[in-house]
C-alpha atoms as a PDB file:
ATOM      1  CA  UNK A   1      59.209  27.509  31.109  1.00  0.00           C
ATOM      2  CA  UNK A   2      56.673  25.890  28.972  1.00  0.00           C
ATOM      3  CA  UNK A   3      59.336  24.685  26.531  1.00  0.00           C
ATOM      4  CA  UNK A   4      60.689  22.397  29.106  1.00  0.00           C
ATOM      5  CA  UNK A   5      59.514  18.784  28.394  1.00  0.00           C
ATOM      6  CA  UNK A   6      58.865  18.022  32.159  1.00  0.00           C
ATOM      7  CA  UNK A   7      56.668  21.103  32.444  1.00  0.00           C
ATOM      8  CA  UNK A   8      54.654  20.133  29.225  1.00  0.00           C
ATOM      9  CA  UNK A   9      54.222  16.560  30.410  1.00  0.00           C
ATOM     10  CA  UNK A  10      53.327  17.754  33.893  1.00  0.00           C
ATOM     11  CA  UNK A  11      50.663  20.020  32.466  1.00  0.00           C
ATOM     12  CA  UNK A  12      49.194  17.194  30.281  1.00  0.00           C
ATOM     13  CA  UNK A  13      49.400  14.747  33.181  1.00  0.00           C
ATOM     14  CA  UNK A  14      47.445  17.165  35.458  1.00  0.00           C
ATOM     15  CA  UNK A  15      44.809  17.936  32.850  1.00  0.00           C
ATOM     16  CA  UNK A  16      43.975  14.258  32.005  1.00  0.00           C
ATOM     17  CA  UNK A  17      41.787  13.646  35.007  1.00  0.00           C
ATOM     18  CA  UNK A  18      39.811  16.838  34.458  1.00  0.00           C
ATOM     19  CA  UNK A  19      39.403  16.200  30.790  1.00  0.00           C
ATOM     20  CA  UNK A  20      38.420  12.588  31.388  1.00  0.00           C
ATOM     21  CA  UNK A  21      35.532  13.759  33.703  1.00  0.00           C
ATOM     22  CA  UNK A  22      34.305  16.319  31.127  1.00  0.00           C
ATOM     23  CA  UNK A  23      34.957  14.485  27.882  1.00  0.00           C
ATOM     24  CA  UNK A  24      31.286  13.865  27.223  1.00  0.00           C
ATOM     25  CA  UNK A  25      30.677  17.702  27.137  1.00  0.00           C
ATOM     26  CA  UNK A  26      33.454  18.416  24.461  1.00  0.00           C
ATOM     27  CA  UNK A  27      32.431  18.862  20.810  1.00  0.00           C
ATOM     28  CA  UNK A  28      34.447  17.386  17.965  1.00  0.00           C
ATOM     29  CA  UNK A  29      36.767  20.400  17.471  1.00  0.00           C
ATOM     30  CA  UNK A  30      37.634  20.440  21.183  1.00  0.00           C
ATOM     31  CA  UNK A  31      38.299  16.694  21.146  1.00  0.00           C
ATOM     32  CA  UNK A  32      40.563  17.027  18.109  1.00  0.00           C
ATOM     33  CA  UNK A  33      42.617  19.774  19.878  1.00  0.00           C
ATOM     34  CA  UNK A  34      42.940  17.604  22.929  1.00  0.00           C
ATOM     35  CA  UNK A  35      44.025  14.696  20.985  1.00  0.00           C
ATOM     36  CA  UNK A  36      46.415  16.693  18.826  1.00  0.00           C
ATOM     37  CA  UNK A  37      47.931  18.208  22.086  1.00  0.00           C
ATOM     38  CA  UNK A  38      48.629  14.710  23.547  1.00  0.00           C
ATOM     39  CA  UNK A  39      49.803  13.538  20.198  1.00  0.00           C
ATOM     40  CA  UNK A  40      52.146  16.365  19.295  1.00  0.00           C
ATOM     41  CA  UNK A  41      54.004  15.836  22.661  1.00  0.00           C
ATOM     42  CA  UNK A  42      53.580  12.019  22.419  1.00  0.00           C
ATOM     43  CA  UNK A  43      52.225  11.830  25.878  1.00  0.00           C
ATOM     44  CA  UNK A  44      50.253   9.018  27.395  1.00  0.00           C
ATOM     45  CA  UNK A  45      48.800  10.059  30.832  1.00  0.00           C
ATOM     46  CA  UNK A  46      49.951   7.749  33.549  1.00  0.00           C
ATOM     47  CA  UNK A  47      47.213   9.210  35.943  1.00  0.00           C
ATOM     48  CA  UNK A  48      44.434   8.027  33.468  1.00  0.00           C
ATOM     49  CA  UNK A  49      45.646   4.851  31.667  1.00  0.00           C
ATOM     50  CA  UNK A  50      42.364   4.708  29.619  1.00  0.00           C
ATOM     51  CA  UNK A  51      42.406   8.364  28.753  1.00  0.00           C
ATOM     52  CA  UNK A  52      43.458   8.095  25.097  1.00  0.00           C
ATOM     53  CA  UNK A  53      41.100   5.207  24.455  1.00  0.00           C
ATOM     54  CA  UNK A  54      38.116   7.096  25.988  1.00  0.00           C
ATOM     55  CA  UNK A  55      39.199  10.253  23.874  1.00  0.00           C
ATOM     56  CA  UNK A  56      39.296   8.193  20.807  1.00  0.00           C
ATOM     57  CA  UNK A  57      35.953   6.570  21.371  1.00  0.00           C
ATOM     58  CA  UNK A  58      34.367  10.085  22.088  1.00  0.00           C
ATOM     59  CA  UNK A  59      35.917  11.498  18.891  1.00  0.00           C
ATOM     60  CA  UNK A  60      34.904   8.557  16.763  1.00  0.00           C
ATOM     61  CA  UNK A  61      31.289   8.892  18.035  1.00  0.00           C
ATOM     62  CA  UNK A  62      31.208  12.516  16.832  1.00  0.00           C
ATOM     63  CA  UNK A  63      32.861  12.221  13.477  1.00  0.00           C
ATOM     64  CA  UNK A  64      30.367  12.669  10.670  1.00  0.00           C
ATOM     65  CA  UNK A  65      30.752  12.558   6.802  1.00  0.00           C
ATOM     66  CA  UNK A  66      30.666  16.395   6.643  1.00  0.00           C
ATOM     67  CA  UNK A  67      33.555  16.786   8.995  1.00  0.00           C
ATOM     68  CA  UNK A  68      36.170  19.113   7.591  1.00  0.00           C
ATOM     69  CA  UNK A  69      39.255  17.476   5.934  1.00  0.00           C
ATOM     70  CA  UNK A  70      41.528  19.478   8.271  1.00  0.00           C
ATOM     71  CA  UNK A  71      39.930  17.721  11.318  1.00  0.00           C
ATOM     72  CA  UNK A  72      40.779  14.284   9.824  1.00  0.00           C
ATOM     73  CA  UNK A  73      44.367  15.485   9.019  1.00  0.00           C
ATOM     74  CA  UNK A  74      44.823  16.552  12.705  1.00  0.00           C
ATOM     75  CA  UNK A  75      43.427  13.235  14.018  1.00  0.00           C
ATOM     76  CA  UNK A  76      45.720  11.227  11.754  1.00  0.00           C
ATOM     77  CA  UNK A  77      48.743  13.266  12.736  1.00  0.00           C
ATOM     78  CA  UNK A  78      47.920  12.873  16.332  1.00  0.00           C
ATOM     79  CA  UNK A  79      47.403   9.063  16.111  1.00  0.00           C
ATOM     80  CA  UNK A  80      50.712   8.783  14.158  1.00  0.00           C
ATOM     81  CA  UNK A  81      52.638  10.770  16.805  1.00  0.00           C
ATOM     82  CA  UNK A  82      51.069   8.678  19.734  1.00  0.00           C
ATOM     83  CA  UNK A  83      51.751   5.349  18.004  1.00  0.00           C
ATOM     84  CA  UNK A  84      55.357   6.192  17.193  1.00  0.00           C
ATOM     85  CA  UNK A  85      56.039   7.922  20.454  1.00  0.00           C
ATOM     86  CA  UNK A  86      54.348   5.536  22.853  1.00  0.00           C
ATOM     87  CA  UNK A  87      55.114   2.148  21.351  1.00  0.00           C
ATOM     88  CA  UNK A  88      51.610   0.933  21.397  1.00  0.00           C
ATOM     89  CA  UNK A  89      50.666  -2.273  19.637  1.00  0.00           C
ATOM     90  CA  UNK A  90      47.193  -2.835  20.855  1.00  0.00           C
ATOM     91  CA  UNK A  91      43.982  -0.939  21.486  1.00  0.00           C
ATOM     92  CA  UNK A  92      42.360   1.797  19.544  1.00  0.00           C
ATOM     93  CA  UNK A  93      45.657   3.467  18.530  1.00  0.00           C
ATOM     94  CA  UNK A  94      47.494   0.284  17.711  1.00  0.00           C
ATOM     95  CA  UNK A  95      45.173  -1.098  14.992  1.00  0.00           C
END
């Protein structure tokens, strides 16, 4: 059931408002997992249009020089998936 695209998108859509309200409590590892999850499925939540911008801002605020290389790799992969899958040309992900 979870392999069905509509189910995955429905879950990501339903989680967006909850994550948006709690984003300030998430650490960098949790933020990266959330970003990667939305990126791998190339999903931009319609219920929270500013979700990915807010997620990006929260993530950038927590990245430090000592952050693991794998963290940066996951972030870059997620941004690449989101940019290719969502057709964005402006905003944080489009620069």
